[in-house]
């Protein structure tokens, strides 16, 4: 199949960013990880992946590119493009999918995915294309993550067949997948009205989920019907795919992993 066009979410979360300011950095996406800004690491991985064609970055401050020689030069050569993000991740995704000319096949990830590799990207893309998904979602089983990094703290969705952590990897494979972005935007607006979100999925689905009576596959089938597109999970064998940089302990772990691989600033 044709390759994916990639979209990287690099917007800041709120007006203040004390995590980035620890490094006297103006933007969280440019946080230094073993001598390389996180966003640069993600862009390098995407450029090296065989399953990715074009790369677009959605960022709240396009001027941040000017601070990084490598990003500025790639943009000048037309190898990546930069787009102004909107106030929330869901709105940024929906805007980019509709207005940035990315087409129907879009690989979505985030700028804080500092351990992303071409191998992870290509494995996920190949599995997504072997499925019937409109939207494929990358996940890592709790057993895989705990076996590799038993001390790391992650958030897990728990089902009858085990817990899963998100990997911030999504493959939009058809126009139908836009419905998921639209649903995500509605869900963000339901933060103060959770009963509306419950109504969208149905009380029985939520009850079965709370009681862990649903398998992961069953839960996705119900979500697919509620949202109106086929959503499929891609369990990944890479524990690192579930480790993003949200807090100082994540930065320490990611730096340790990269240093163990022999990586240095380059």
C-alpha atoms as a PDB file:
ATOM      1  CA  UNK A   1       0.000   0.000   0.000  1.00  0.00           C
ATOM      2  CA  UNK A   2       0.981   3.638  -0.245  1.00  0.00           C
ATOM      3  CA  UNK A   3       2.892   5.155   2.652  1.00  0.00           C
ATOM      4  CA  UNK A   4       1.408   7.314   5.355  1.00  0.00           C
ATOM      5  CA  UNK A   5       1.734  11.048   5.724  1.00  0.00           C
ATOM      6  CA  UNK A   6       2.771  11.776   9.306  1.00  0.00           C
ATOM      7  CA  UNK A   7       1.360  14.366  11.672  1.00  0.00           C
ATOM      8  CA  UNK A   8       3.263  15.197  14.868  1.00  0.00           C
ATOM      9  CA  UNK A   9       1.392  16.970  17.672  1.00  0.00           C
ATOM     10  CA  UNK A  10       3.805  19.402  19.328  1.00  0.00           C
ATOM     11  CA  UNK A  11       1.502  21.936  20.963  1.00  0.00           C
ATOM     12  CA  UNK A  12       2.062  23.085  24.531  1.00  0.00           C
ATOM     13  CA  UNK A  13      -0.391  22.073  27.249  1.00  0.00           C
ATOM     14  CA  UNK A  14      -1.596  25.324  28.766  1.00  0.00           C
ATOM     15  CA  UNK A  15       0.200  28.634  29.054  1.00  0.00           C
ATOM     16  CA  UNK A  16       2.796  27.522  31.609  1.00  0.00           C
ATOM     17  CA  UNK A  17       5.289  24.735  31.230  1.00  0.00           C
ATOM     18  CA  UNK A  18       7.375  24.312  34.393  1.00  0.00           C
ATOM     19  CA  UNK A  19       8.733  20.975  33.112  1.00  0.00           C
ATOM     20  CA  UNK A  20      10.385  22.615  30.090  1.00  0.00           C
ATOM     21  CA  UNK A  21      11.450  25.593  32.156  1.00  0.00           C
ATOM     22  CA  UNK A  22      13.605  23.288  34.285  1.00  0.00           C
ATOM     23  CA  UNK A  23      15.932  23.321  31.265  1.00  0.00           C
ATOM     24  CA  UNK A  24      15.266  27.018  30.595  1.00  0.00           C
ATOM     25  CA  UNK A  25      13.487  25.838  27.457  1.00  0.00           C
ATOM     26  CA  UNK A  26      10.746  27.880  25.833  1.00  0.00           C
ATOM     27  CA  UNK A  27       8.810  24.935  24.453  1.00  0.00           C
ATOM     28  CA  UNK A  28       8.113  21.471  25.845  1.00  0.00           C
ATOM     29  CA  UNK A  29       8.523  19.799  22.437  1.00  0.00           C
ATOM     30  CA  UNK A  30      12.102  21.088  22.341  1.00  0.00           C
ATOM     31  CA  UNK A  31      13.033  19.568  25.705  1.00  0.00           C
ATOM     32  CA  UNK A  32      16.587  18.223  25.529  1.00  0.00           C
ATOM     33  CA  UNK A  33      16.893  14.435  25.791  1.00  0.00           C
ATOM     34  CA  UNK A  34      20.522  13.254  25.773  1.00  0.00           C
ATOM     35  CA  UNK A  35      21.540  16.272  23.741  1.00  0.00           C
ATOM     36  CA  UNK A  36      18.732  16.157  21.171  1.00  0.00           C
ATOM     37  CA  UNK A  37      15.359  17.977  21.348  1.00  0.00           C
ATOM     38  CA  UNK A  38      12.434  15.546  21.625  1.00  0.00           C
ATOM     39  CA  UNK A  39      10.750  16.850  18.478  1.00  0.00           C
ATOM     40  CA  UNK A  40      13.954  16.369  16.482  1.00  0.00           C
ATOM     41  CA  UNK A  41      14.162  12.746  17.675  1.00  0.00           C
ATOM     42  CA  UNK A  42      10.600  12.097  16.489  1.00  0.00           C
ATOM     43  CA  UNK A  43      11.168  13.774  13.122  1.00  0.00           C
ATOM     44  CA  UNK A  44      14.369  11.760  12.568  1.00  0.00           C
ATOM     45  CA  UNK A  45      12.565   8.504  13.307  1.00  0.00           C
ATOM     46  CA  UNK A  46       9.751   9.364  10.908  1.00  0.00           C
ATOM     47  CA  UNK A  47      12.164  10.358   8.135  1.00  0.00           C
ATOM     48  CA  UNK A  48      13.999   7.054   8.489  1.00  0.00           C
ATOM     49  CA  UNK A  49      10.819   4.941   8.443  1.00  0.00           C
ATOM     50  CA  UNK A  50       9.990   3.310   5.103  1.00  0.00           C
ATOM     51  CA  UNK A  51       6.235   3.594   5.754  1.00  0.00           C
ATOM     52  CA  UNK A  52       6.198   7.412   6.007  1.00  0.00           C
ATOM     53  CA  UNK A  53       6.135   9.858   3.116  1.00  0.00           C
ATOM     54  CA  UNK A  54       5.480  13.492   4.115  1.00  0.00           C
ATOM     55  CA  UNK A  55       5.818  14.906   7.642  1.00  0.00           C
ATOM     56  CA  UNK A  56       3.784  17.759   9.121  1.00  0.00           C
ATOM     57  CA  UNK A  57       4.210  19.229  12.602  1.00  0.00           C
ATOM     58  CA  UNK A  58       1.309  20.874  14.425  1.00  0.00           C
ATOM     59  CA  UNK A  59       2.774  23.343  16.929  1.00  0.00           C
ATOM     60  CA  UNK A  60       1.348  26.359  18.772  1.00  0.00           C
ATOM     61  CA  UNK A  61       4.456  28.452  18.044  1.00  0.00           C
ATOM     62  CA  UNK A  62       5.735  27.885  14.493  1.00  0.00           C
ATOM     63  CA  UNK A  63       8.557  30.281  15.330  1.00  0.00           C
ATOM     64  CA  UNK A  64      10.003  27.584  17.582  1.00  0.00           C
ATOM     65  CA  UNK A  65      11.343  25.923  14.418  1.00  0.00           C
ATOM     66  CA  UNK A  66      13.672  28.893  13.991  1.00  0.00           C
ATOM     67  CA  UNK A  67      15.483  27.934  17.197  1.00  0.00           C
ATOM     68  CA  UNK A  68      16.523  24.513  15.836  1.00  0.00           C
ATOM     69  CA  UNK A  69      18.853  24.514  12.828  1.00  0.00           C
ATOM     70  CA  UNK A  70      17.908  20.991  11.744  1.00  0.00           C
ATOM     71  CA  UNK A  71      14.162  21.696  11.729  1.00  0.00           C
ATOM     72  CA  UNK A  72      14.589  25.054  10.042  1.00  0.00           C
ATOM     73  CA  UNK A  73      16.676  23.512   7.258  1.00  0.00           C
ATOM     74  CA  UNK A  74      14.250  20.619   6.726  1.00  0.00           C
ATOM     75  CA  UNK A  75      11.354  23.059   6.475  1.00  0.00           C
ATOM     76  CA  UNK A  76      13.285  25.263   4.033  1.00  0.00           C
ATOM     77  CA  UNK A  77      13.904  22.216   1.814  1.00  0.00           C
ATOM     78  CA  UNK A  78      10.230  21.248   1.983  1.00  0.00           C
ATOM     79  CA  UNK A  79      10.973  17.951   3.745  1.00  0.00           C
ATOM     80  CA  UNK A  80       8.721  18.823   6.681  1.00  0.00           C
ATOM     81  CA  UNK A  81       5.952  21.383   7.046  1.00  0.00           C
ATOM     82  CA  UNK A  82       4.846  23.348  10.063  1.00  0.00           C
ATOM     83  CA  UNK A  83       1.233  24.218  10.918  1.00  0.00           C
ATOM     84  CA  UNK A  84      -0.209  26.294  13.729  1.00  0.00           C
ATOM     85  CA  UNK A  85      -2.025  24.111  16.245  1.00  0.00           C
ATOM     86  CA  UNK A  86      -5.374  24.925  17.832  1.00  0.00           C
ATOM     87  CA  UNK A  87      -6.070  25.156  21.593  1.00  0.00           C
ATOM     88  CA  UNK A  88      -6.656  21.411  22.114  1.00  0.00           C
ATOM     89  CA  UNK A  89      -5.112  18.230  20.670  1.00  0.00           C
ATOM     90  CA  UNK A  90      -8.431  17.013  19.240  1.00  0.00           C
ATOM     91  CA  UNK A  91      -9.105  20.301  17.454  1.00  0.00           C
ATOM     92  CA  UNK A  92      -5.547  20.373  16.124  1.00  0.00           C
ATOM     93  CA  UNK A  93      -5.911  16.859  14.715  1.00  0.00           C
ATOM     94  CA  UNK A  94      -9.269  17.539  13.131  1.00  0.00           C
ATOM     95  CA  UNK A  95      -8.007  20.792  11.597  1.00  0.00           C
ATOM     96  CA  UNK A  96      -4.871  19.146  10.207  1.00  0.00           C
ATOM     97  CA  UNK A  97      -6.754  16.161   8.782  1.00  0.00           C
ATOM     98  CA  UNK A  98      -9.183  18.437   6.975  1.00  0.00           C
ATOM     99  CA  UNK A  99      -6.990  21.364   5.942  1.00  0.00           C
ATOM    100  CA  UNK A 100      -3.346  20.318   5.618  1.00  0.00           C
ATOM    101  CA  UNK A 101      -3.611  18.126   2.518  1.00  0.00           C
ATOM    102  CA  UNK A 102      -2.442  14.996   4.332  1.00  0.00           C
ATOM    103  CA  UNK A 103      -4.893  12.712   2.546  1.00  0.00           C
ATOM    104  CA  UNK A 104      -6.742   9.743   4.019  1.00  0.00           C
ATOM    105  CA  UNK A 105      -3.695   7.818   5.256  1.00  0.00           C
ATOM    106  CA  UNK A 106      -2.232   9.683   8.224  1.00  0.00           C
ATOM    107  CA  UNK A 107       0.195   8.429  10.860  1.00  0.00           C
ATOM    108  CA  UNK A 108      -0.318  10.431  14.046  1.00  0.00           C
ATOM    109  CA  UNK A 109       2.108  10.664  16.953  1.00  0.00           C
ATOM    110  CA  UNK A 110       3.315  13.175  19.531  1.00  0.00           C
ATOM    111  CA  UNK A 111       6.487  15.203  19.997  1.00  0.00           C
ATOM    112  CA  UNK A 112       7.170  13.695  23.436  1.00  0.00           C
ATOM    113  CA  UNK A 113       7.658  10.198  21.967  1.00  0.00           C
ATOM    114  CA  UNK A 114      11.430  10.426  22.468  1.00  0.00           C
ATOM    115  CA  UNK A 115      11.993   6.655  22.178  1.00  0.00           C
ATOM    116  CA  UNK A 116      10.204   6.320  18.850  1.00  0.00           C
ATOM    117  CA  UNK A 117      12.214   4.387  16.263  1.00  0.00           C
ATOM    118  CA  UNK A 118      11.770   3.563  12.561  1.00  0.00           C
ATOM    119  CA  UNK A 119      11.322  -0.085  13.592  1.00  0.00           C
ATOM    120  CA  UNK A 120       8.364   0.776  15.848  1.00  0.00           C
ATOM    121  CA  UNK A 121       6.818   2.992  13.178  1.00  0.00           C
ATOM    122  CA  UNK A 122       7.118   0.458  10.361  1.00  0.00           C
ATOM    123  CA  UNK A 123       5.914  -2.440  12.523  1.00  0.00           C
ATOM    124  CA  UNK A 124       2.848  -0.487  13.612  1.00  0.00           C
ATOM    125  CA  UNK A 125       2.091   0.721  10.071  1.00  0.00           C
ATOM    126  CA  UNK A 126       2.371  -2.803   8.639  1.00  0.00           C
ATOM    127  CA  UNK A 127       0.072  -4.247  11.306  1.00  0.00           C
ATOM    128  CA  UNK A 128      -2.427  -1.436  10.759  1.00  0.00           C
ATOM    129  CA  UNK A 129      -2.510  -2.185   7.038  1.00  0.00           C
ATOM    130  CA  UNK A 130      -3.080  -5.883   7.644  1.00  0.00           C
ATOM    131  CA  UNK A 131      -6.236  -5.006   9.594  1.00  0.00           C
ATOM    132  CA  UNK A 132      -9.628  -3.788   8.405  1.00  0.00           C
ATOM    133  CA  UNK A 133      -9.328  -0.658  10.579  1.00  0.00           C
ATOM    134  CA  UNK A 134     -10.438   2.806   9.630  1.00  0.00           C
ATOM    135  CA  UNK A 135      -8.412   3.853  12.675  1.00  0.00           C
ATOM    136  CA  UNK A 136      -5.648   1.690  14.182  1.00  0.00           C
ATOM    137  CA  UNK A 137      -4.417   2.449  17.686  1.00  0.00           C
ATOM    138  CA  UNK A 138      -1.049   1.359  19.019  1.00  0.00           C
ATOM    139  CA  UNK A 139      -1.001  -0.146  22.526  1.00  0.00           C
ATOM    140  CA  UNK A 140       1.433  -2.015  24.757  1.00  0.00           C
ATOM    141  CA  UNK A 141       0.279  -4.785  27.072  1.00  0.00           C
ATOM    142  CA  UNK A 142       0.984  -4.243  30.752  1.00  0.00           C
ATOM    143  CA  UNK A 143       2.832  -7.559  30.842  1.00  0.00           C
ATOM    144  CA  UNK A 144       5.236  -6.403  28.100  1.00  0.00           C
ATOM    145  CA  UNK A 145       5.907  -3.059  29.760  1.00  0.00           C
ATOM    146  CA  UNK A 146       6.371  -4.411  33.286  1.00  0.00           C
ATOM    147  CA  UNK A 147       8.693  -7.154  32.074  1.00  0.00           C
ATOM    148  CA  UNK A 148      11.040  -4.584  30.540  1.00  0.00           C
ATOM    149  CA  UNK A 149      10.643  -1.667  32.965  1.00  0.00           C
ATOM    150  CA  UNK A 150       9.044  -2.881  36.202  1.00  0.00           C
ATOM    151  CA  UNK A 151       9.516   0.392  38.063  1.00  0.00           C
ATOM    152  CA  UNK A 152       7.944   2.711  35.507  1.00  0.00           C
ATOM    153  CA  UNK A 153       4.533   4.216  36.264  1.00  0.00           C
ATOM    154  CA  UNK A 154       2.026   4.163  33.402  1.00  0.00           C
ATOM    155  CA  UNK A 155      -1.716   4.520  33.064  1.00  0.00           C
ATOM    156  CA  UNK A 156      -3.459   1.301  32.004  1.00  0.00           C
ATOM    157  CA  UNK A 157      -6.913   0.600  30.647  1.00  0.00           C
ATOM    158  CA  UNK A 158      -7.913  -2.693  32.210  1.00  0.00           C
ATOM    159  CA  UNK A 159     -10.031  -5.303  30.485  1.00  0.00           C
ATOM    160  CA  UNK A 160     -10.984  -8.904  31.084  1.00  0.00           C
ATOM    161  CA  UNK A 161      -7.905 -10.027  29.182  1.00  0.00           C
ATOM    162  CA  UNK A 162      -5.415  -7.658  30.823  1.00  0.00           C
ATOM    163  CA  UNK A 163      -4.247  -4.078  31.006  1.00  0.00           C
ATOM    164  CA  UNK A 164      -3.004  -1.953  28.105  1.00  0.00           C
ATOM    165  CA  UNK A 165      -1.148   1.334  27.913  1.00  0.00           C
ATOM    166  CA  UNK A 166      -1.502   3.711  24.999  1.00  0.00           C
ATOM    167  CA  UNK A 167       1.488   4.286  22.719  1.00  0.00           C
ATOM    168  CA  UNK A 168       0.524   7.636  21.156  1.00  0.00           C
ATOM    169  CA  UNK A 169       0.496   5.973  17.739  1.00  0.00           C
ATOM    170  CA  UNK A 170      -2.559   6.204  15.478  1.00  0.00           C
ATOM    171  CA  UNK A 171      -3.068   5.258  11.843  1.00  0.00           C
ATOM    172  CA  UNK A 172      -5.968   6.957  10.045  1.00  0.00           C
ATOM    173  CA  UNK A 173      -6.639   4.738   7.032  1.00  0.00           C
ATOM    174  CA  UNK A 174      -9.863   6.145   5.560  1.00  0.00           C
ATOM    175  CA  UNK A 175     -12.153   9.163   5.567  1.00  0.00           C
ATOM    176  CA  UNK A 176     -14.343   7.289   8.040  1.00  0.00           C
ATOM    177  CA  UNK A 177     -11.594   7.733  10.626  1.00  0.00           C
ATOM    178  CA  UNK A 178     -12.401  11.451  10.720  1.00  0.00           C
ATOM    179  CA  UNK A 179     -15.397  10.460  12.817  1.00  0.00           C
ATOM    180  CA  UNK A 180     -13.023   9.406  15.576  1.00  0.00           C
ATOM    181  CA  UNK A 181     -11.349  12.826  15.544  1.00  0.00           C
ATOM    182  CA  UNK A 182     -14.765  14.473  15.665  1.00  0.00           C
ATOM    183  CA  UNK A 183     -15.821  12.234  18.555  1.00  0.00           C
ATOM    184  CA  UNK A 184     -12.581  13.062  20.398  1.00  0.00           C
ATOM    185  CA  UNK A 185     -13.365  16.762  20.058  1.00  0.00           C
ATOM    186  CA  UNK A 186     -16.888  16.239  21.422  1.00  0.00           C
ATOM    187  CA  UNK A 187     -15.497  14.147  24.279  1.00  0.00           C
ATOM    188  CA  UNK A 188     -13.179  16.986  25.306  1.00  0.00           C
ATOM    189  CA  UNK A 189     -16.177  19.285  25.517  1.00  0.00           C
ATOM    190  CA  UNK A 190     -17.892  16.770  27.835  1.00  0.00           C
ATOM    191  CA  UNK A 191     -15.286  17.134  30.600  1.00  0.00           C
ATOM    192  CA  UNK A 192     -17.800  18.890  32.860  1.00  0.00           C
ATOM    193  CA  UNK A 193     -20.744  16.837  31.589  1.00  0.00           C
ATOM    194  CA  UNK A 194     -19.558  13.208  31.809  1.00  0.00           C
ATOM    195  CA  UNK A 195     -23.102  11.883  31.513  1.00  0.00           C
ATOM    196  CA  UNK A 196     -23.094  13.002  27.869  1.00  0.00           C
ATOM    197  CA  UNK A 197     -20.020  10.880  27.190  1.00  0.00           C
ATOM    198  CA  UNK A 198     -21.649   7.974  29.017  1.00  0.00           C
ATOM    199  CA  UNK A 199     -24.740   8.383  26.875  1.00  0.00           C
ATOM    200  CA  UNK A 200     -22.640   8.193  23.691  1.00  0.00           C
ATOM    201  CA  UNK A 201     -21.284   4.748  24.614  1.00  0.00           C
ATOM    202  CA  UNK A 202     -24.349   3.517  26.468  1.00  0.00           C
ATOM    203  CA  UNK A 203     -24.678   2.679  30.172  1.00  0.00           C
ATOM    204  CA  UNK A 204     -24.320  -1.082  29.644  1.00  0.00           C
ATOM    205  CA  UNK A 205     -20.949  -0.676  27.905  1.00  0.00           C
ATOM    206  CA  UNK A 206     -19.663   1.504  30.735  1.00  0.00           C
ATOM    207  CA  UNK A 207     -20.950  -0.925  33.358  1.00  0.00           C
ATOM    208  CA  UNK A 208     -19.311  -3.907  31.653  1.00  0.00           C
ATOM    209  CA  UNK A 209     -16.058  -1.950  31.327  1.00  0.00           C
ATOM    210  CA  UNK A 210     -16.127  -0.949  35.016  1.00  0.00           C
ATOM    211  CA  UNK A 211     -16.676  -4.573  36.004  1.00  0.00           C
ATOM    212  CA  UNK A 212     -13.931  -5.749  33.603  1.00  0.00           C
ATOM    213  CA  UNK A 213     -16.365  -8.017  31.837  1.00  0.00           C
ATOM    214  CA  UNK A 214     -15.271  -6.846  28.376  1.00  0.00           C
ATOM    215  CA  UNK A 215     -12.197  -8.036  26.535  1.00  0.00           C
ATOM    216  CA  UNK A 216     -10.180  -5.331  24.799  1.00  0.00           C
ATOM    217  CA  UNK A 217     -11.501  -6.463  21.404  1.00  0.00           C
ATOM    218  CA  UNK A 218     -15.118  -6.385  22.630  1.00  0.00           C
ATOM    219  CA  UNK A 219     -14.634  -2.884  24.024  1.00  0.00           C
ATOM    220  CA  UNK A 220     -13.256  -1.668  20.693  1.00  0.00           C
ATOM    221  CA  UNK A 221     -16.184  -3.217  18.818  1.00  0.00           C
ATOM    222  CA  UNK A 222     -18.602  -1.283  21.021  1.00  0.00           C
ATOM    223  CA  UNK A 223     -16.573   1.905  20.621  1.00  0.00           C
ATOM    224  CA  UNK A 224     -16.543   1.409  16.847  1.00  0.00           C
ATOM    225  CA  UNK A 225     -20.338   1.214  16.753  1.00  0.00           C
ATOM    226  CA  UNK A 226     -20.715   4.302  18.956  1.00  0.00           C
ATOM    227  CA  UNK A 227     -18.239   6.399  16.948  1.00  0.00           C
ATOM    228  CA  UNK A 228     -19.107   5.139  13.482  1.00  0.00           C
ATOM    229  CA  UNK A 229     -15.759   3.822  12.252  1.00  0.00           C
ATOM    230  CA  UNK A 230     -13.826   0.582  12.621  1.00  0.00           C
ATOM    231  CA  UNK A 231     -11.287   0.967  15.437  1.00  0.00           C
ATOM    232  CA  UNK A 232      -8.703  -1.758  15.895  1.00  0.00           C
ATOM    233  CA  UNK A 233      -5.850  -2.116  18.380  1.00  0.00           C
ATOM    234  CA  UNK A 234      -2.303  -2.963  17.374  1.00  0.00           C
ATOM    235  CA  UNK A 235      -0.534  -4.568  20.371  1.00  0.00           C
ATOM    236  CA  UNK A 236       3.156  -3.726  20.065  1.00  0.00           C
ATOM    237  CA  UNK A 237       6.053  -5.891  21.263  1.00  0.00           C
ATOM    238  CA  UNK A 238       8.126  -2.796  22.074  1.00  0.00           C
ATOM    239  CA  UNK A 239       7.834  -1.663  25.712  1.00  0.00           C
ATOM    240  CA  UNK A 240       9.474   1.655  24.766  1.00  0.00           C
ATOM    241  CA  UNK A 241       6.495   2.530  22.565  1.00  0.00           C
ATOM    242  CA  UNK A 242       4.448   3.258  25.702  1.00  0.00           C
ATOM    243  CA  UNK A 243       7.029   5.529  27.360  1.00  0.00           C
ATOM    244  CA  UNK A 244       6.575   9.197  26.585  1.00  0.00           C
ATOM    245  CA  UNK A 245       8.019  12.169  28.473  1.00  0.00           C
ATOM    246  CA  UNK A 246       5.321  13.649  30.690  1.00  0.00           C
ATOM    247  CA  UNK A 247       7.242  14.239  33.910  1.00  0.00           C
ATOM    248  CA  UNK A 248      10.821  14.418  35.235  1.00  0.00           C
ATOM    249  CA  UNK A 249      10.868  10.699  36.117  1.00  0.00           C
ATOM    250  CA  UNK A 250      10.016   9.902  32.465  1.00  0.00           C
ATOM    251  CA  UNK A 251      12.855  12.114  31.274  1.00  0.00           C
ATOM    252  CA  UNK A 252      15.266  10.323  33.605  1.00  0.00           C
ATOM    253  CA  UNK A 253      14.123   6.881  32.379  1.00  0.00           C
ATOM    254  CA  UNK A 254      14.243   7.832  28.694  1.00  0.00           C
ATOM    255  CA  UNK A 255      17.706   9.378  29.124  1.00  0.00           C
ATOM    256  CA  UNK A 256      18.879   6.198  30.849  1.00  0.00           C
ATOM    257  CA  UNK A 257      17.532   4.004  28.034  1.00  0.00           C
ATOM    258  CA  UNK A 258      19.121   6.133  25.318  1.00  0.00           C
ATOM    259  CA  UNK A 259      22.442   6.335  27.144  1.00  0.00           C
ATOM    260  CA  UNK A 260      22.441   2.539  27.528  1.00  0.00           C
ATOM    261  CA  UNK A 261      22.087   2.320  23.751  1.00  0.00           C
ATOM    262  CA  UNK A 262      25.227   4.429  23.448  1.00  0.00           C
ATOM    263  CA  UNK A 263      23.418   7.495  22.120  1.00  0.00           C
ATOM    264  CA  UNK A 264      25.046  10.884  22.479  1.00  0.00           C
ATOM    265  CA  UNK A 265      24.250  14.403  21.288  1.00  0.00           C
ATOM    266  CA  UNK A 266      24.399  14.566  17.490  1.00  0.00           C
END
